[in-house]
Protein backbone atom coordinates (compact mmCIF):
# COMPACT_ATOMS: atom_id res chain seq x y z
CA MET A 1 0.09 0.00 -0.14
CA PRO A 2 2.78 2.58 0.86
CA SER A 3 4.42 1.93 -2.61
CA LEU A 4 0.91 2.42 -4.14
CA ARG A 5 0.30 5.73 -2.42
CA HIS A 6 3.83 6.98 -3.36
CA ALA A 7 3.22 6.01 -6.97
CA LEU A 8 -0.09 8.05 -6.92
CA LEU A 9 1.60 11.07 -5.43
CA ALA A 10 4.45 10.79 -7.92
CA MET A 11 1.88 10.78 -10.77
CA LEU A 12 -0.09 13.72 -9.46
CA ALA A 13 3.20 15.79 -9.09
CA ALA A 14 4.09 14.87 -12.53
CA ALA A 15 0.67 15.87 -13.77
CA SER A 16 0.79 19.16 -12.06
CA PHE A 17 4.33 19.99 -13.49
CA VAL A 18 3.00 19.15 -16.99
CA LEU A 19 -0.16 21.43 -16.42
CA ALA A 20 2.14 24.16 -15.14
CA LEU A 21 4.26 24.31 -18.18
CA PRO A 22 2.02 25.96 -20.68
CA ALA A 23 1.29 28.91 -18.13
CA THR A 24 5.08 29.47 -17.73
CA SER A 25 5.72 29.24 -21.32
CA HIS A 26 2.98 31.64 -22.17
CA ALA A 27 4.09 34.13 -19.65
CA GLN A 28 7.72 34.00 -21.07
CA GLN A 29 6.28 34.46 -24.64
CA GLN A 30 4.41 37.51 -23.50
CA GLY A 31 7.63 38.97 -21.97
CA ARG A 32 9.55 38.25 -25.20
CA ASP A 33 6.81 39.98 -27.12
CA LEU A 34 7.08 43.25 -25.27
CA PRO A 35 9.74 45.69 -26.91
CA ASP A 36 13.08 46.10 -25.36
CA PHE A 37 14.27 49.78 -25.96
CA THR A 38 17.74 49.35 -24.35
CA GLU A 39 19.85 48.68 -27.47
CA LEU A 40 17.98 51.25 -29.26
CA VAL A 41 18.66 53.80 -26.76
CA GLU A 42 22.30 53.06 -26.71
CA ARG A 43 22.57 53.24 -30.52
CA VAL A 44 20.48 56.43 -31.15
CA GLY A 45 21.06 58.19 -27.94
CA PRO A 46 24.24 59.91 -28.97
CA SER A 47 22.57 61.53 -32.04
CA VAL A 48 20.14 63.44 -29.80
CA VAL A 49 21.25 66.86 -28.61
CA ASN A 50 20.02 69.32 -25.93
CA ILE A 51 19.35 72.95 -27.41
CA ARG A 52 19.44 76.02 -25.10
CA THR A 53 18.86 79.50 -26.36
CA THR A 54 19.72 82.93 -24.92
CA GLU A 55 18.95 86.52 -25.74
CA LYS A 56 20.89 89.75 -24.98
CA VAL A 57 19.12 92.40 -22.94
CA ARG A 58 20.20 95.59 -21.43
CA ALA A 59 20.06 96.56 -17.69
CA GLY A 60 16.49 97.23 -16.77
CA GLN A 61 14.93 94.97 -19.54
CA THR A 62 13.52 91.63 -18.99
CA PRO A 63 14.06 88.93 -21.49
CA GLY A 64 11.38 89.06 -24.28
CA GLY A 65 9.84 92.35 -22.98
CA PRO A 66 10.36 96.00 -22.88
CA PRO A 67 12.49 97.94 -20.54
CA MET A 68 11.01 98.67 -16.91
CA ASP A 69 10.41 102.10 -15.89
CA GLU A 70 12.17 103.30 -12.58
CA GLU A 71 8.97 103.07 -10.59
CA MET A 72 8.47 99.41 -11.40
CA GLN A 73 12.19 98.65 -10.72
CA GLU A 74 11.82 100.26 -7.38
CA PHE A 75 8.62 98.32 -6.60
CA PHE A 76 10.36 95.14 -7.24
CA ARG A 77 13.51 96.22 -5.29
CA ARG A 78 11.46 97.21 -2.18
CA PHE A 79 8.74 94.59 -1.84
CA PHE A 80 10.56 91.59 -3.27
CA GLY A 81 13.96 92.33 -2.02
CA ILE A 82 15.64 91.23 -5.20
CA PRO A 83 17.21 93.52 -7.95
CA MET A 84 15.92 93.06 -11.60
CA PRO A 85 18.56 92.15 -14.21
CA GLY A 86 21.36 94.83 -14.38
CA GLN A 87 19.93 96.68 -11.34
CA PRO A 88 21.76 97.42 -8.10
CA GLY A 89 21.04 95.46 -4.93
CA PRO A 90 18.74 96.76 -2.10
CA ARG A 91 21.52 98.50 -0.17
CA GLN A 92 22.74 100.52 -3.25
CA ASP A 93 21.46 103.90 -4.49
CA PRO A 94 19.87 103.34 -7.76
CA ARG A 95 20.79 106.84 -8.93
CA ARG A 96 24.39 105.73 -9.00
CA GLN A 97 23.77 102.90 -11.40
CA PRO A 98 24.64 103.78 -14.93
CA ARG A 99 21.91 103.80 -17.59
CA PRO A 100 21.58 102.16 -19.89
CA GLY A 101 23.62 99.19 -18.59
CA PRO A 102 25.65 96.84 -20.65
CA GLU A 103 23.99 93.94 -22.58
CA GLU A 104 23.48 90.89 -20.58
CA GLU A 105 22.85 87.26 -21.94
CA GLN A 106 19.83 85.92 -20.41
CA PRO A 107 18.37 82.31 -20.79
CA ARG A 108 15.49 82.14 -23.18
CA GLY A 109 14.52 78.48 -23.47
CA VAL A 110 15.37 74.83 -23.81
CA GLY A 111 14.62 72.27 -26.33
CA SER A 112 15.95 69.15 -28.23
CA GLY A 113 17.19 68.34 -31.58
CA PHE A 114 19.04 65.57 -33.52
CA ILE A 115 22.02 65.27 -35.79
CA LEU A 116 21.12 65.11 -39.34
CA THR A 117 24.77 64.78 -40.80
CA SER A 118 28.08 63.98 -39.47
CA ASP A 119 29.46 67.30 -40.40
CA GLY A 120 27.23 69.18 -37.77
CA PHE A 121 23.79 69.94 -39.32
CA VAL A 122 21.14 69.61 -36.50
CA MET A 123 17.35 69.56 -37.00
CA THR A 124 15.00 71.12 -34.31
CA ASN A 125 11.70 73.03 -34.31
CA ALA A 126 11.53 76.60 -35.41
CA HIS A 127 9.77 77.78 -32.18
CA VAL A 128 12.79 76.42 -30.22
CA VAL A 129 15.22 78.96 -31.88
CA GLU A 130 12.79 81.58 -32.60
CA GLY A 131 13.93 85.10 -31.26
CA ALA A 132 17.28 83.68 -29.91
CA ASP A 133 20.52 85.69 -30.12
CA GLU A 134 22.53 82.74 -29.27
CA VAL A 135 21.80 78.90 -29.72
CA TYR A 136 23.99 76.41 -27.91
CA VAL A 137 24.06 72.55 -28.64
CA THR A 138 25.17 70.15 -26.14
CA LEU A 139 25.98 66.60 -27.07
CA THR A 140 25.62 63.36 -24.78
CA ASP A 141 29.32 63.55 -24.28
CA LYS A 142 28.84 67.01 -22.67
CA ARG A 143 30.68 68.93 -25.37
CA GLU A 144 28.90 72.27 -25.95
CA PHE A 145 28.92 74.23 -29.27
CA LYS A 146 27.80 77.69 -30.33
CA ALA A 147 25.41 77.17 -33.29
CA ARG A 148 24.39 79.26 -35.97
CA ILE A 149 20.79 79.13 -37.54
CA ILE A 150 20.78 78.02 -41.13
CA GLY A 151 17.07 78.65 -41.56
CA ALA A 152 13.74 78.26 -39.85
CA ASP A 153 10.24 77.76 -41.33
CA LYS A 154 7.39 78.68 -38.97
CA ARG A 155 4.72 77.32 -41.28
CA THR A 156 5.98 73.71 -40.66
CA ASP A 157 7.87 74.51 -37.43
CA VAL A 158 11.10 73.05 -38.67
CA ALA A 159 14.64 74.61 -38.22
CA VAL A 160 18.19 73.59 -39.09
CA VAL A 161 21.26 74.78 -37.12
CA LYS A 162 24.98 74.21 -37.60
CA ILE A 163 27.72 73.31 -35.31
CA ASP A 164 31.36 73.26 -36.14
CA ALA A 165 32.12 69.55 -35.53
CA SER A 166 32.71 66.43 -37.64
CA GLY A 167 32.50 62.65 -37.14
CA LEU A 168 29.22 63.04 -35.36
CA PRO A 169 26.69 60.17 -34.98
CA ALA A 170 23.92 60.92 -37.51
CA VAL A 171 20.28 59.57 -37.27
CA ARG A 172 18.87 57.34 -39.82
CA ILE A 173 15.60 58.51 -41.53
CA GLY A 174 12.69 56.29 -41.73
CA ASP A 175 9.91 55.69 -44.20
CA VAL A 176 6.65 57.32 -42.64
CA GLY A 177 4.68 55.51 -45.37
CA LYS A 178 5.33 52.33 -43.61
CA LEU A 179 4.48 53.66 -40.25
CA ARG A 180 1.09 51.93 -38.83
CA VAL A 181 -1.37 52.96 -36.27
CA GLY A 182 -0.62 50.93 -33.11
CA GLU A 183 3.13 50.57 -33.85
CA TRP A 184 5.59 51.21 -30.78
CA VAL A 185 7.45 54.50 -31.08
CA MET A 186 10.08 56.08 -28.79
CA ALA A 187 11.02 59.62 -27.98
CA ILE A 188 14.32 60.96 -26.74
CA GLY A 189 14.61 64.67 -25.62
CA SER A 190 15.04 66.99 -22.71
CA PRO A 191 11.55 67.53 -21.03
CA PHE A 192 11.86 70.45 -18.48
CA GLY A 193 15.54 70.47 -19.27
CA LEU A 194 16.14 66.92 -18.10
CA GLU A 195 18.66 65.71 -20.80
CA ASN A 196 18.40 62.41 -22.54
CA THR A 197 15.09 61.41 -21.23
CA VAL A 198 13.50 58.34 -22.94
CA THR A 199 9.72 57.81 -23.23
CA ALA A 200 7.85 55.26 -25.32
CA GLY A 201 4.19 54.43 -26.55
CA ILE A 202 2.39 53.68 -29.77
CA VAL A 203 0.99 55.72 -32.85
CA SER A 204 -2.35 56.75 -32.01
CA ALA A 205 -3.26 58.27 -35.38
CA LYS A 206 -1.88 59.39 -38.62
CA ALA A 207 -2.55 62.64 -40.87
CA ARG A 208 -4.15 64.68 -38.00
CA ASP A 209 -4.99 67.94 -39.43
CA THR A 210 -3.74 70.49 -36.87
CA GLY A 211 -2.02 72.77 -39.14
CA ASP A 212 -2.12 74.12 -42.62
CA TYR A 213 0.76 72.50 -44.14
CA LEU A 214 1.21 69.29 -42.09
CA PRO A 215 -0.65 65.96 -41.53
CA PHE A 216 0.71 65.39 -37.97
CA ILE A 217 1.48 61.90 -36.35
CA GLN A 218 -0.45 61.60 -33.10
CA THR A 219 1.10 59.34 -30.37
CA ASP A 220 0.64 58.64 -26.63
CA VAL A 221 4.27 59.06 -26.01
CA ALA A 222 4.93 61.30 -23.09
CA ILE A 223 6.02 64.49 -24.49
CA ASN A 224 6.43 67.67 -22.31
CA PRO A 225 7.94 71.21 -22.79
CA GLY A 226 11.49 70.61 -23.69
CA ASN A 227 10.85 67.65 -25.75
CA SER A 228 10.18 69.92 -28.78
CA GLY A 229 12.53 69.26 -31.54
CA GLY A 230 13.60 65.76 -30.47
CA PRO A 231 13.11 62.58 -32.71
CA LEU A 232 10.33 60.18 -32.70
CA LEU A 233 11.84 56.79 -33.58
CA ASN A 234 10.45 53.39 -34.75
CA LEU A 235 11.80 50.14 -33.37
CA ARG A 236 14.40 49.97 -36.09
CA GLY A 237 16.06 53.21 -34.63
CA GLU A 238 14.79 55.28 -37.55
CA VAL A 239 13.53 58.89 -37.23
CA VAL A 240 9.91 58.97 -38.40
CA GLY A 241 8.94 62.41 -37.02
CA ILE A 242 9.96 65.47 -34.84
CA ASN A 243 8.22 65.90 -31.67
CA SER A 244 6.48 69.38 -31.93
CA GLN A 245 3.13 69.72 -30.05
CA ILE A 246 1.10 68.61 -27.26
CA TYR A 247 -2.45 68.76 -26.26
CA SER A 248 -2.71 69.85 -22.78
CA ARG A 249 -4.91 71.75 -20.21
CA SER A 250 -2.21 71.96 -17.71
CA GLY A 251 1.07 72.50 -19.56
CA GLY A 252 2.08 68.84 -19.01
CA PHE A 253 1.53 65.49 -20.75
CA MET A 254 -2.06 64.46 -21.17
CA GLY A 255 -1.57 61.34 -23.57
CA ILE A 256 -1.84 63.30 -26.80
CA SER A 257 1.12 64.37 -28.60
CA PHE A 258 1.90 65.30 -32.24
CA ALA A 259 4.96 64.95 -34.41
CA ILE A 260 5.98 66.48 -37.65
CA PRO A 261 6.41 63.51 -40.31
CA ILE A 262 10.02 63.30 -41.12
CA ASP A 263 9.48 63.10 -44.89
CA GLU A 264 7.82 66.66 -44.74
CA ALA A 265 10.58 67.77 -42.42
CA THR A 266 13.44 66.57 -44.55
CA ARG A 267 11.77 68.26 -47.67
CA VAL A 268 11.72 71.55 -45.63
CA ALA A 269 15.18 71.13 -44.21
CA GLU A 270 16.73 70.51 -47.69
CA GLN A 271 15.48 73.90 -48.93
CA LEU A 272 16.49 75.61 -45.63
CA ARG A 273 20.04 74.24 -46.13
CA THR A 274 20.05 75.33 -49.92
CA THR A 275 18.55 78.71 -49.71
CA GLY A 276 17.80 79.49 -46.08
CA ARG A 277 14.09 79.68 -46.72
CA VAL A 278 11.22 77.60 -48.07
CA ILE A 279 9.52 78.33 -51.31
CA ARG A 280 5.79 77.48 -51.49
CA GLY A 281 3.03 78.06 -54.02
CA ARG A 282 -0.28 79.81 -53.68
CA ILE A 283 -3.42 80.30 -55.83
CA GLY A 284 -5.23 83.14 -53.78
CA VAL A 285 -8.26 81.53 -52.24
CA GLN A 286 -9.98 81.30 -49.03
CA ILE A 287 -11.34 77.93 -48.16
CA ASP A 288 -13.39 76.09 -45.72
CA GLN A 289 -14.52 72.45 -44.86
CA VAL A 290 -17.39 70.99 -46.99
CA THR A 291 -20.20 70.07 -44.64
CA LYS A 292 -22.42 67.16 -45.13
CA GLU A 293 -25.54 69.47 -45.54
CA VAL A 294 -23.67 71.66 -48.20
CA ALA A 295 -22.56 68.63 -50.19
CA GLU A 296 -26.09 67.02 -50.23
CA SER A 297 -27.76 70.27 -51.22
CA MET A 298 -25.34 70.90 -54.15
CA GLY A 299 -25.65 67.38 -55.32
CA LEU A 300 -21.94 66.49 -54.49
CA GLY A 301 -23.00 63.52 -52.63
CA LYS A 302 -20.44 63.32 -49.92
CA SER A 303 -18.41 65.85 -48.01
CA VAL A 304 -15.16 65.98 -49.93
CA GLY A 305 -13.01 68.92 -51.32
CA ALA A 306 -12.33 72.43 -50.35
CA LEU A 307 -15.09 75.13 -50.35
CA VAL A 308 -13.96 78.44 -51.69
CA ARG A 309 -15.12 81.23 -49.47
CA SER A 310 -13.48 84.02 -51.30
CA VAL A 311 -11.13 84.68 -54.30
CA GLU A 312 -8.27 87.15 -54.16
CA ALA A 313 -8.81 90.04 -56.78
CA GLY A 314 -6.30 89.64 -59.55
CA GLY A 315 -4.76 86.41 -58.08
CA PRO A 316 -3.98 83.23 -59.77
CA ALA A 317 -7.31 81.51 -58.86
CA GLU A 318 -9.59 84.63 -60.25
CA LYS A 319 -7.48 84.49 -63.58
CA ALA A 320 -8.02 80.66 -63.78
CA GLY A 321 -11.85 81.15 -63.54
CA ILE A 322 -12.35 79.88 -60.02
CA GLU A 323 -15.30 81.51 -58.24
CA ALA A 324 -16.51 81.85 -54.67
CA GLY A 325 -18.93 78.81 -53.87
CA ASP A 326 -16.73 76.48 -56.00
CA ILE A 327 -15.68 73.28 -54.46
CA ILE A 328 -12.13 72.38 -55.45
CA THR A 329 -12.07 68.47 -55.65
CA ARG A 330 -8.75 67.79 -57.46
CA PHE A 331 -5.50 69.73 -57.82
CA ASP A 332 -2.69 68.57 -60.00
CA GLY A 333 -4.06 65.10 -60.25
CA LYS A 334 -4.41 64.60 -56.76
CA THR A 335 -7.87 64.14 -54.82
CA ILE A 336 -8.80 66.83 -52.20
CA GLU A 337 -10.58 64.70 -49.57
CA ARG A 338 -10.54 67.45 -47.13
CA ALA A 339 -9.96 71.33 -47.03
CA GLY A 340 -6.62 70.73 -45.32
CA ASP A 341 -5.22 68.83 -48.26
CA LEU A 342 -5.38 71.91 -50.57
CA PRO A 343 -2.95 74.12 -48.78
CA ARG A 344 -0.34 71.36 -48.59
CA ILE A 345 -0.54 70.21 -52.19
CA VAL A 346 -0.52 73.90 -53.40
CA GLY A 347 2.27 74.71 -51.12
CA ASN A 348 4.42 72.07 -52.41
CA SER A 349 3.82 73.17 -55.89
CA LYS A 350 6.58 75.06 -57.86
CA PRO A 351 5.65 78.70 -58.42
CA GLY A 352 5.32 79.51 -62.04
CA SER A 353 4.01 76.01 -62.96
CA LYS A 354 0.65 75.55 -64.72
CA LEU A 355 -1.28 72.95 -63.19
CA GLY A 356 -4.81 71.48 -63.76
CA LEU A 357 -7.52 71.39 -61.19
CA GLN A 358 -11.23 70.38 -60.94
CA VAL A 359 -14.03 72.20 -59.41
CA PHE A 360 -17.70 71.29 -58.76
CA ARG A 361 -19.98 74.20 -59.46
CA ARG A 362 -23.71 74.24 -59.58
CA GLY A 363 -24.24 70.55 -59.99
CA SER A 364 -21.39 69.72 -62.51
CA TYR A 365 -17.56 69.36 -62.53
CA ARG A 366 -15.31 71.81 -64.47
CA ASP A 367 -11.69 71.55 -65.31
CA LEU A 368 -9.39 74.63 -65.06
CA THR A 369 -5.77 75.47 -65.35
CA VAL A 370 -4.23 77.67 -62.81
CA THR A 371 -0.60 79.38 -62.80
CA VAL A 372 0.86 78.94 -59.31
CA ALA A 373 2.20 82.12 -57.60
CA GLU A 374 4.86 82.23 -54.93
CA ILE A 375 3.75 82.73 -51.37
CA GLU A 376 5.27 85.68 -49.54
CA PRO A 377 8.18 84.25 -47.64
CA ASP A 378 8.29 84.53 -43.66
CA ARG A 379 9.81 87.76 -42.37
CA PRO A 380 13.53 87.27 -41.82
CA ARG A 381 14.46 86.27 -38.15
CA ARG A 382 16.45 88.76 -36.05
CA ALA A 383 20.08 88.75 -36.93
CA GLN A 384 22.36 87.05 -34.40
CA GLY A 385 24.70 89.33 -32.35
CA GLY A 386 21.85 91.45 -31.00
CA GLU A 387 21.05 93.37 -34.21
CA PRO A 388 17.35 94.48 -33.95
CA ARG A 389 15.02 93.20 -36.75
CA ALA A 390 13.31 95.91 -38.71
CA SER A 391 9.48 95.81 -38.18
CA GLY A 392 10.06 92.73 -36.15
CA PRO A 393 7.52 91.16 -33.66
CA SER A 394 6.94 93.31 -30.48
CA SER A 395 5.34 92.55 -27.10
CA GLY A 396 4.77 95.61 -24.99
CA ALA A 397 3.45 95.17 -21.49
CA ALA A 398 -0.21 96.12 -22.74
CA ALA A 399 0.09 93.32 -25.58
CA GLN A 400 1.61 90.90 -23.05
CA SER A 401 -1.24 91.30 -20.70
CA ILE A 402 -3.68 89.86 -23.16
CA GLY A 403 -1.26 87.39 -24.54
CA LEU A 404 -0.42 89.01 -27.83
CA VAL A 405 2.88 89.30 -29.85
CA VAL A 406 2.34 91.53 -33.02
CA ALA A 407 4.39 92.86 -35.81
CA ASP A 408 4.06 95.72 -38.26
CA LEU A 409 2.74 94.91 -41.86
CA THR A 410 5.30 95.37 -44.68
CA GLU A 411 4.18 97.53 -47.55
CA ALA A 412 3.64 94.45 -49.83
CA GLN A 413 1.29 92.94 -47.22
CA GLN A 414 -0.58 96.08 -46.86
CA ARG A 415 -1.02 96.32 -50.73
CA GLU A 416 -2.00 92.55 -50.68
CA LEU A 417 -4.62 92.97 -48.11
CA ASN A 418 -5.58 96.50 -49.52
CA VAL A 419 -5.35 98.12 -45.95
CA LYS A 420 -3.46 101.34 -44.92
CA GLY A 421 -2.18 99.93 -41.63
CA GLY A 422 -2.69 97.45 -38.88
CA VAL A 423 -0.53 94.81 -37.09
CA ARG A 424 -0.17 91.09 -37.77
CA VAL A 425 -0.65 88.75 -34.85
CA GLU A 426 2.68 86.63 -34.61
CA SER A 427 1.29 84.58 -31.52
CA ALA A 428 -1.92 84.58 -29.37
CA GLU A 429 -2.32 82.94 -26.12
CA GLY A 430 -4.39 83.68 -22.87
CA PRO A 431 -7.34 86.09 -23.19
CA ALA A 432 -6.36 86.88 -26.89
CA ALA A 433 -6.61 83.20 -27.88
CA ARG A 434 -9.68 82.67 -25.83
CA GLY A 435 -11.30 85.63 -27.78
CA GLY A 436 -10.67 83.96 -31.19
CA LEU A 437 -7.30 85.57 -32.35
CA ARG A 438 -4.68 83.36 -33.75
CA GLU A 439 -1.38 83.81 -35.65
CA GLY A 440 -1.88 85.46 -39.05
CA ASP A 441 -4.66 87.62 -38.11
CA VAL A 442 -4.41 91.29 -39.00
CA ILE A 443 -5.76 93.65 -36.30
CA LEU A 444 -7.16 96.90 -37.75
CA ALA A 445 -8.84 98.46 -34.71
CA VAL A 446 -8.85 98.27 -30.78
CA GLY A 447 -12.00 99.36 -28.87
CA ASN A 448 -13.20 101.19 -32.12
CA THR A 449 -9.91 103.11 -32.45
CA GLU A 450 -7.99 102.45 -35.71
CA VAL A 451 -4.33 101.39 -35.41
CA LYS A 452 -1.62 101.98 -37.90
CA ASP A 453 1.33 100.15 -36.55
CA GLY A 454 2.83 98.23 -33.53
CA ARG A 455 3.55 101.40 -31.68
CA GLN A 456 0.04 102.91 -31.99
CA PHE A 457 -1.53 99.47 -31.23
CA GLU A 458 0.41 99.31 -27.97
CA ALA A 459 -0.62 103.04 -27.13
CA VAL A 460 -4.25 102.43 -27.85
CA LEU A 461 -4.21 99.21 -25.85
CA SER A 462 -2.70 100.93 -22.96
CA ARG A 463 -5.62 103.29 -22.70
CA ILE A 464 -8.19 100.63 -22.72
CA ASP A 465 -9.63 99.39 -19.48
CA ARG A 466 -8.61 95.83 -19.66
CA SER A 467 -10.54 94.78 -16.59
CA LYS A 468 -13.69 95.03 -18.76
CA PRO A 469 -14.44 93.23 -21.93
CA PHE A 470 -13.45 95.17 -25.14
CA ASN A 471 -13.45 94.40 -28.84
CA ILE A 472 -10.74 94.02 -31.55
CA LEU A 473 -11.44 94.34 -35.24
CA PHE A 474 -9.46 92.06 -37.21
CA ARG A 475 -9.05 90.46 -40.79
CA ARG A 476 -8.56 86.81 -41.34
CA GLY A 477 -7.97 86.38 -44.97
CA GLU A 478 -10.72 88.41 -46.91
CA TRP A 479 -13.10 88.45 -44.00
CA ALA A 480 -13.21 91.01 -41.31
CA GLN A 481 -14.63 90.14 -37.90
CA TYR A 482 -14.66 91.10 -34.25
CA ALA A 483 -12.97 89.36 -31.19
CA VAL A 484 -14.17 90.23 -27.76
CA ILE A 485 -11.26 90.15 -25.33
CA ARG A 486 -12.20 89.37 -21.66
CA PRO A 487 -10.21 89.86 -18.49
CA ALA A 488 -7.64 87.11 -17.70
CA ARG A 489 -9.20 84.50 -15.34
């Protein structure tokens, strides 16, 4: 009997071991299926750089803003016990301080970038280097170089800088066309200034329309301030995008990040390296989405194409016979699925070329030919070395209080818009953004008072009671409308 009992126990133990094998094997298989980023980080990490920027300010001037007057400087000195840049300490007599003081280099921002070529070309975001007097690139081996900006394109947010170095580890460029939703991707950058931080996630969506010229890659990779300009990498260690934007209500990561597709960025970078700017085509139309109701009422069937809201007088579209109310369905042989497709396709067209397009008008399709014109290039950035930029962006105290940065219009822009003055919105945040203003809008009047230039805009805005709602008249394309600016919350 004991031997029989021992035999039965042995059989049960063996059966338990056999039953346990599949579970262990399955767990091991799951572990093997998860990506291991360690080798990828070791291989690609040295190609990612930290970028910091500075600007030169005079004593009594805060970075990015106008000089403080004497009363404001005294307020900070007395009530906070700290001198402003270039100002004397609390125990010194401010009247003995020389004015204006010498220029001082002040930190402006921190971002990321990656090495394009072994001889020192580095790609980053345009907003990382915008407005900087000096740009510094730090490699993973802690070597720091002063860089010069080769070119920056605000419309796609791509910039190229150059450092004097050789034998650098350049990245490999991937094929965005092969990128699939759900695929694992990784980002390396400097969030909040923390260098060489690695985060990973998956591709959430492709071809997100969040800009005029770019179909963004959406991911759930943790991206935060300072990651801007860093690479988005696939599991082969190839760059498939440049981390550029986040959707956030708090300023931090919320699970939605956007990257510029590397094929679009590379095309822009090649032009920046060749000519220092990007040449784009234009045809002179204002467009909008085609709603389902409009498509059905016109007999188009489905909501495709770009609805022409207005046509520039004397522009290429008018000369080609395009009319307001037309729906552009094809351009240069490419189907316009949504309104955002048209600016990208036209923008990539060579100025001067004659291209065919198709419009849907009053129940039927028509084929037309348009001669593409060149879009006005971005205003040149401020020269390095502290040289002021003519008619460049300005941000006085009144403008800053509502989140605006504006710039004077050039004569060519005034002629194109058929206006005698006004200021162009370079950026809008806070109350201005909540009121509906955005980059590219042209402000014509504030509180029913016409403005001619940036100086008058600041003066008029300074007299406005900004504790109460007030209106701003602005142009967006050919359309004039009002924005109501309410006090900051």
